[in-house]
């Protein structure tokens, strides 16, 4: 399974901090929805949606970015 960020308007996938790419093959795989959501909120990725791809499914699943998927209002980590 792969979890990716995609721009809803351009349909380009997030590759790295240098930009976006057209093909999912070179896109950054966040490996989980919470990780992708956290990154998108922390880095203020514009017009992001989360795309989940799985070999068992014929089509990808794209969902809008929701804050509750990453506890966006909580700090990323806490130091003890």
C-alpha atoms as a PDB file:
ATOM      1  CA  UNK A   1       0.000   0.000   0.000  1.00  0.00           C
ATOM      2  CA  UNK A   2       1.192   3.532  -0.737  1.00  0.00           C
ATOM      3  CA  UNK A   3       0.017   6.816   0.764  1.00  0.00           C
ATOM      4  CA  UNK A   4       0.735   9.960  -1.233  1.00  0.00           C
ATOM      5  CA  UNK A   5      -0.082  13.667  -1.287  1.00  0.00           C
ATOM      6  CA  UNK A   6      -1.535  15.114  -4.476  1.00  0.00           C
ATOM      7  CA  UNK A   7      -2.495  18.648  -5.446  1.00  0.00           C
ATOM      8  CA  UNK A   8      -6.240  18.635  -6.119  1.00  0.00           C
ATOM      9  CA  UNK A   9      -5.960  21.241  -8.871  1.00  0.00           C
ATOM     10  CA  UNK A  10      -2.843  20.209 -10.795  1.00  0.00           C
ATOM     11  CA  UNK A  11      -3.107  16.457 -10.037  1.00  0.00           C
ATOM     12  CA  UNK A  12       0.657  16.407  -9.399  1.00  0.00           C
ATOM     13  CA  UNK A  13       2.110  14.267  -6.604  1.00  0.00           C
ATOM     14  CA  UNK A  14       4.425  15.468  -3.830  1.00  0.00           C
ATOM     15  CA  UNK A  15       7.952  14.245  -4.510  1.00  0.00           C
ATOM     16  CA  UNK A  16      10.057  16.094  -1.943  1.00  0.00           C
ATOM     17  CA  UNK A  17      10.774  19.605  -0.727  1.00  0.00           C
ATOM     18  CA  UNK A  18      11.896  20.491  -4.258  1.00  0.00           C
ATOM     19  CA  UNK A  19       8.449  20.084  -5.738  1.00  0.00           C
ATOM     20  CA  UNK A  20       5.828  18.054  -7.470  1.00  0.00           C
ATOM     21  CA  UNK A  21       5.864  15.365 -10.162  1.00  0.00           C
ATOM     22  CA  UNK A  22       3.338  13.940 -12.591  1.00  0.00           C
ATOM     23  CA  UNK A  23       3.815  10.237 -11.904  1.00  0.00           C
ATOM     24  CA  UNK A  24       3.078   8.438  -8.671  1.00  0.00           C
ATOM     25  CA  UNK A  25       6.015   6.103  -9.335  1.00  0.00           C
ATOM     26  CA  UNK A  26       8.493   8.767  -8.134  1.00  0.00           C
ATOM     27  CA  UNK A  27       6.214  10.324  -5.498  1.00  0.00           C
ATOM     28  CA  UNK A  28       7.115  10.253  -1.819  1.00  0.00           C
ATOM     29  CA  UNK A  29       5.322   7.409  -0.010  1.00  0.00           C
ATOM     30  CA  UNK A  30       4.272   8.548   3.464  1.00  0.00           C
ATOM     31  CA  UNK A  31       3.270   4.964   4.389  1.00  0.00           C
ATOM     32  CA  UNK A  32       0.339   6.113   6.558  1.00  0.00           C
ATOM     33  CA  UNK A  33      -2.529   8.588   6.388  1.00  0.00           C
ATOM     34  CA  UNK A  34      -1.601  10.289   9.699  1.00  0.00           C
ATOM     35  CA  UNK A  35       1.981  10.866   8.498  1.00  0.00           C
ATOM     36  CA  UNK A  36       0.797  12.356   5.204  1.00  0.00           C
ATOM     37  CA  UNK A  37      -1.768  14.549   6.952  1.00  0.00           C
ATOM     38  CA  UNK A  38       0.725  15.751   9.567  1.00  0.00           C
ATOM     39  CA  UNK A  39       3.254  16.661   6.869  1.00  0.00           C
ATOM     40  CA  UNK A  40       0.679  18.489   4.755  1.00  0.00           C
ATOM     41  CA  UNK A  41      -0.509  20.575   7.711  1.00  0.00           C
ATOM     42  CA  UNK A  42       2.963  21.258   9.134  1.00  0.00           C
ATOM     43  CA  UNK A  43       4.419  22.267   5.762  1.00  0.00           C
ATOM     44  CA  UNK A  44       1.236  24.006   4.581  1.00  0.00           C
ATOM     45  CA  UNK A  45       1.126  21.982   1.367  1.00  0.00           C
ATOM     46  CA  UNK A  46      -1.322  23.801  -0.942  1.00  0.00           C
ATOM     47  CA  UNK A  47      -4.582  22.153  -2.069  1.00  0.00           C
ATOM     48  CA  UNK A  48      -3.459  18.733  -0.818  1.00  0.00           C
ATOM     49  CA  UNK A  49      -5.474  15.551  -0.859  1.00  0.00           C
ATOM     50  CA  UNK A  50      -4.380  12.136   0.363  1.00  0.00           C
ATOM     51  CA  UNK A  51      -4.183   9.342  -2.185  1.00  0.00           C
ATOM     52  CA  UNK A  52      -4.087   5.693  -1.109  1.00  0.00           C
ATOM     53  CA  UNK A  53      -3.020   3.052  -3.607  1.00  0.00           C
ATOM     54  CA  UNK A  54      -3.154  -0.676  -3.002  1.00  0.00           C
ATOM     55  CA  UNK A  55      -2.462  -3.626  -5.288  1.00  0.00           C
ATOM     56  CA  UNK A  56      -5.752  -5.192  -4.201  1.00  0.00           C
ATOM     57  CA  UNK A  57      -7.774  -2.237  -5.508  1.00  0.00           C
ATOM     58  CA  UNK A  58      -8.208  -1.453  -9.175  1.00  0.00           C
ATOM     59  CA  UNK A  59      -8.459   2.270  -8.496  1.00  0.00           C
ATOM     60  CA  UNK A  60      -6.770   4.640  -6.121  1.00  0.00           C
ATOM     61  CA  UNK A  61      -8.696   6.227  -3.287  1.00  0.00           C
ATOM     62  CA  UNK A  62      -8.387  10.010  -2.922  1.00  0.00           C
ATOM     63  CA  UNK A  63      -9.731  11.816   0.118  1.00  0.00           C
ATOM     64  CA  UNK A  64      -9.624  15.441   1.234  1.00  0.00           C
ATOM     65  CA  UNK A  65      -7.213  16.397   3.969  1.00  0.00           C
ATOM     66  CA  UNK A  66      -8.868  16.415   7.405  1.00  0.00           C
ATOM     67  CA  UNK A  67      -7.150  17.766  10.551  1.00  0.00           C
ATOM     68  CA  UNK A  68      -8.423  14.960  12.785  1.00  0.00           C
ATOM     69  CA  UNK A  69      -6.298  12.438  10.881  1.00  0.00           C
ATOM     70  CA  UNK A  70      -3.113  13.792  12.414  1.00  0.00           C
ATOM     71  CA  UNK A  71      -4.144  15.563  15.608  1.00  0.00           C
ATOM     72  CA  UNK A  72      -3.045  18.725  13.787  1.00  0.00           C
ATOM     73  CA  UNK A  73      -3.558  20.869  16.850  1.00  0.00           C
ATOM     74  CA  UNK A  74      -1.221  18.781  18.997  1.00  0.00           C
ATOM     75  CA  UNK A  75       2.558  19.321  18.997  1.00  0.00           C
ATOM     76  CA  UNK A  76       4.519  17.045  16.716  1.00  0.00           C
ATOM     77  CA  UNK A  77       6.580  15.700  19.620  1.00  0.00           C
ATOM     78  CA  UNK A  78       7.096  16.416  23.282  1.00  0.00           C
ATOM     79  CA  UNK A  79      10.422  16.551  25.069  1.00  0.00           C
ATOM     80  CA  UNK A  80      10.580  15.011  28.532  1.00  0.00           C
END
